[in-house]
Amino acid sequence: MGSLRIIKKDIDFLVSEVISDCWVFMYINPDKKTDDAIAVINDAVALRNDLYNRVNAHPTENVKKHYKAVTMDLLKGVDELFVRVSNLTK
C-alpha cells in the first residue's frame, strides 16, 4: 500500500485527465454533444469527491483492504468515464 499522498495524487491525476479529454473534445467539436461532455465532467468531479471522502475516512480495521478497494474503484470509475468520452466521438 502506498501512502495516502500518493493515492490522492493518483486520484487527482486520473480525474484531471478525464476532464482534460472532455475539454479537448468540446474545443475540437464545439457544436457536438457539449451537454454530454459536461455530464462526464460532473461525474468525474463527483467520483473525485467520493474517493477523497473515502480516503480521508481512516478505517480502524482492514486498512489495506479499504485502500485497495478505493484504488480499484478509482481505476474502474476512471475507465468508465474514459469509455463515455470515447463514445462521444461516435
C-alpha atoms as a PDB file:
ATOM      1  CA  MET A   1       0.000   0.000   0.000  1.00  0.00           C
ATOM      2  CA  GLY A   2       1.298   3.422  -0.905  1.00  0.00           C
ATOM      3  CA  SER A   3       1.000   6.491   1.196  1.00  0.00           C
ATOM      4  CA  LEU A   4      -2.203   8.498   1.300  1.00  0.00           C
ATOM      5  CA  ARG A   5      -0.460  11.318  -0.511  1.00  0.00           C
ATOM      6  CA  ILE A   6       0.291   9.036  -3.463  1.00  0.00           C
ATOM      7  CA  ILE A   7      -3.292   7.745  -3.559  1.00  0.00           C
ATOM      8  CA  LYS A   8      -4.615  11.312  -3.546  1.00  0.00           C
ATOM      9  CA  LYS A   9      -2.187  12.308  -6.310  1.00  0.00           C
ATOM     10  CA  ASP A  10      -3.360   9.340  -8.388  1.00  0.00           C
ATOM     11  CA  ILE A  11      -6.982  10.372  -7.894  1.00  0.00           C
ATOM     12  CA  ASP A  12      -6.243  13.954  -8.900  1.00  0.00           C
ATOM     13  CA  PHE A  13      -4.150  12.963 -11.912  1.00  0.00           C
ATOM     14  CA  LEU A  14      -6.583  10.444 -13.386  1.00  0.00           C
ATOM     15  CA  VAL A  15      -9.660  12.592 -12.846  1.00  0.00           C
ATOM     16  CA  SER A  16      -7.905  15.623 -14.315  1.00  0.00           C
ATOM     17  CA  GLU A  17      -7.031  13.549 -17.405  1.00  0.00           C
ATOM     18  CA  VAL A  18     -10.708  12.705 -17.908  1.00  0.00           C
ATOM     19  CA  ILE A  19     -11.668  16.354 -17.523  1.00  0.00           C
ATOM     20  CA  SER A  20      -8.885  17.402 -19.883  1.00  0.00           C
ATOM     21  CA  ASP A  21     -10.096  14.964 -22.531  1.00  0.00           C
ATOM     22  CA  CYS A  22     -13.612  16.362 -22.194  1.00  0.00           C
ATOM     23  CA  TRP A  23     -12.335  19.920 -22.634  1.00  0.00           C
ATOM     24  CA  VAL A  24     -10.347  18.885 -25.709  1.00  0.00           C
ATOM     25  CA  PHE A  25     -13.449  17.208 -27.149  1.00  0.00           C
ATOM     26  CA  MET A  26     -15.527  20.341 -26.551  1.00  0.00           C
ATOM     27  CA  TYR A  27     -12.804  22.536 -28.067  1.00  0.00           C
ATOM     28  CA  ILE A  28     -12.478  20.415 -31.200  1.00  0.00           C
ATOM     29  CA  ASN A  29     -16.234  19.831 -31.573  1.00  0.00           C
ATOM     30  CA  PRO A  30     -17.941  22.993 -30.287  1.00  0.00           C
ATOM     31  CA  ASP A  31     -21.380  22.071 -31.641  1.00  0.00           C
ATOM     32  CA  LYS A  32     -21.369  18.350 -30.908  1.00  0.00           C
ATOM     33  CA  LYS A  33     -22.619  16.762 -27.647  1.00  0.00           C
ATOM     34  CA  THR A  34     -21.379  19.514 -25.334  1.00  0.00           C
ATOM     35  CA  ASP A  35     -24.001  18.664 -22.714  1.00  0.00           C
ATOM     36  CA  ASP A  36     -22.843  15.046 -22.631  1.00  0.00           C
ATOM     37  CA  ALA A  37     -19.225  16.141 -22.149  1.00  0.00           C
ATOM     38  CA  ILE A  38     -20.269  18.425 -19.288  1.00  0.00           C
ATOM     39  CA  ALA A  39     -22.140  15.495 -17.724  1.00  0.00           C
ATOM     40  CA  VAL A  40     -18.943  13.409 -17.874  1.00  0.00           C
ATOM     41  CA  ILE A  41     -17.032  16.253 -16.203  1.00  0.00           C
ATOM     42  CA  ASN A  42     -19.642  16.470 -13.444  1.00  0.00           C
ATOM     43  CA  ASP A  43     -19.458  12.704 -12.890  1.00  0.00           C
ATOM     44  CA  ALA A  44     -15.654  12.884 -12.767  1.00  0.00           C
ATOM     45  CA  VAL A  45     -15.796  15.574 -10.089  1.00  0.00           C
ATOM     46  CA  ALA A  46     -18.351  13.532  -8.131  1.00  0.00           C
ATOM     47  CA  LEU A  47     -16.077  10.467  -8.367  1.00  0.00           C
ATOM     48  CA  ARG A  48     -13.115  12.506  -7.130  1.00  0.00           C
ATOM     49  CA  ASN A  49     -15.065  13.880  -4.181  1.00  0.00           C
ATOM     50  CA  ASP A  50     -16.380  10.428  -3.249  1.00  0.00           C
ATOM     51  CA  LEU A  51     -12.923   8.856  -3.393  1.00  0.00           C
ATOM     52  CA  TYR A  52     -11.384  11.686  -1.373  1.00  0.00           C
ATOM     53  CA  ASN A  53     -14.044  11.241   1.312  1.00  0.00           C
ATOM     54  CA  ARG A  54     -13.335   7.515   1.421  1.00  0.00           C
ATOM     55  CA  VAL A  55      -9.562   8.062   1.631  1.00  0.00           C
ATOM     56  CA  ASN A  56      -9.981  10.564   4.452  1.00  0.00           C
ATOM     57  CA  ALA A  57     -12.288   8.223   6.421  1.00  0.00           C
ATOM     58  CA  HIS A  58      -9.318   6.408   8.093  1.00  0.00           C
ATOM     59  CA  PRO A  59     -10.775   2.982   8.939  1.00  0.00           C
ATOM     60  CA  THR A  60      -9.640   1.262  12.123  1.00  0.00           C
ATOM     61  CA  GLU A  61      -9.744  -2.286  10.759  1.00  0.00           C
ATOM     62  CA  ASN A  62      -8.763  -3.777   7.409  1.00  0.00           C
ATOM     63  CA  VAL A  63      -6.852  -0.673   6.368  1.00  0.00           C
ATOM     64  CA  LYS A  64      -5.084  -2.301   3.422  1.00  0.00           C
ATOM     65  CA  LYS A  65      -8.329  -3.802   2.176  1.00  0.00           C
ATOM     66  CA  HIS A  66     -10.065  -0.401   2.410  1.00  0.00           C
ATOM     67  CA  TYR A  67      -7.409   1.465   0.428  1.00  0.00           C
ATOM     68  CA  LYS A  68      -7.133  -1.334  -2.129  1.00  0.00           C
ATOM     69  CA  ALA A  69     -10.897  -1.067  -2.674  1.00  0.00           C
ATOM     70  CA  VAL A  70     -10.558   2.706  -3.099  1.00  0.00           C
ATOM     71  CA  THR A  71      -7.811   2.194  -5.674  1.00  0.00           C
ATOM     72  CA  MET A  72      -9.846  -0.402  -7.577  1.00  0.00           C
ATOM     73  CA  ASP A  73     -12.905   1.878  -7.565  1.00  0.00           C
ATOM     74  CA  LEU A  74     -10.713   4.694  -8.874  1.00  0.00           C
ATOM     75  CA  LEU A  75      -9.462   2.598 -11.778  1.00  0.00           C
ATOM     76  CA  LYS A  76     -12.894   1.212 -12.574  1.00  0.00           C
ATOM     77  CA  GLY A  77     -14.585   4.624 -12.358  1.00  0.00           C
ATOM     78  CA  VAL A  78     -11.988   6.385 -14.489  1.00  0.00           C
ATOM     79  CA  ASP A  79     -12.130   3.598 -17.073  1.00  0.00           C
ATOM     80  CA  GLU A  80     -15.905   4.005 -17.334  1.00  0.00           C
ATOM     81  CA  LEU A  81     -15.508   7.760 -17.737  1.00  0.00           C
ATOM     82  CA  PHE A  82     -12.916   7.330 -20.489  1.00  0.00           C
ATOM     83  CA  VAL A  83     -15.276   4.947 -22.286  1.00  0.00           C
ATOM     84  CA  ARG A  84     -18.019   7.592 -22.094  1.00  0.00           C
ATOM     85  CA  VAL A  85     -15.636  10.208 -23.512  1.00  0.00           C
ATOM     86  CA  SER A  86     -14.698   7.826 -26.331  1.00  0.00           C
ATOM     87  CA  ASN A  87     -18.365   7.230 -27.109  1.00  0.00           C
ATOM     88  CA  LEU A  88     -18.906  10.969 -27.526  1.00  0.00           C
ATOM     89  CA  THR A  89     -16.952  10.903 -30.767  1.00  0.00           C
ATOM     90  CA  LYS A  90     -19.229   8.310 -32.387  1.00  0.00           C
END
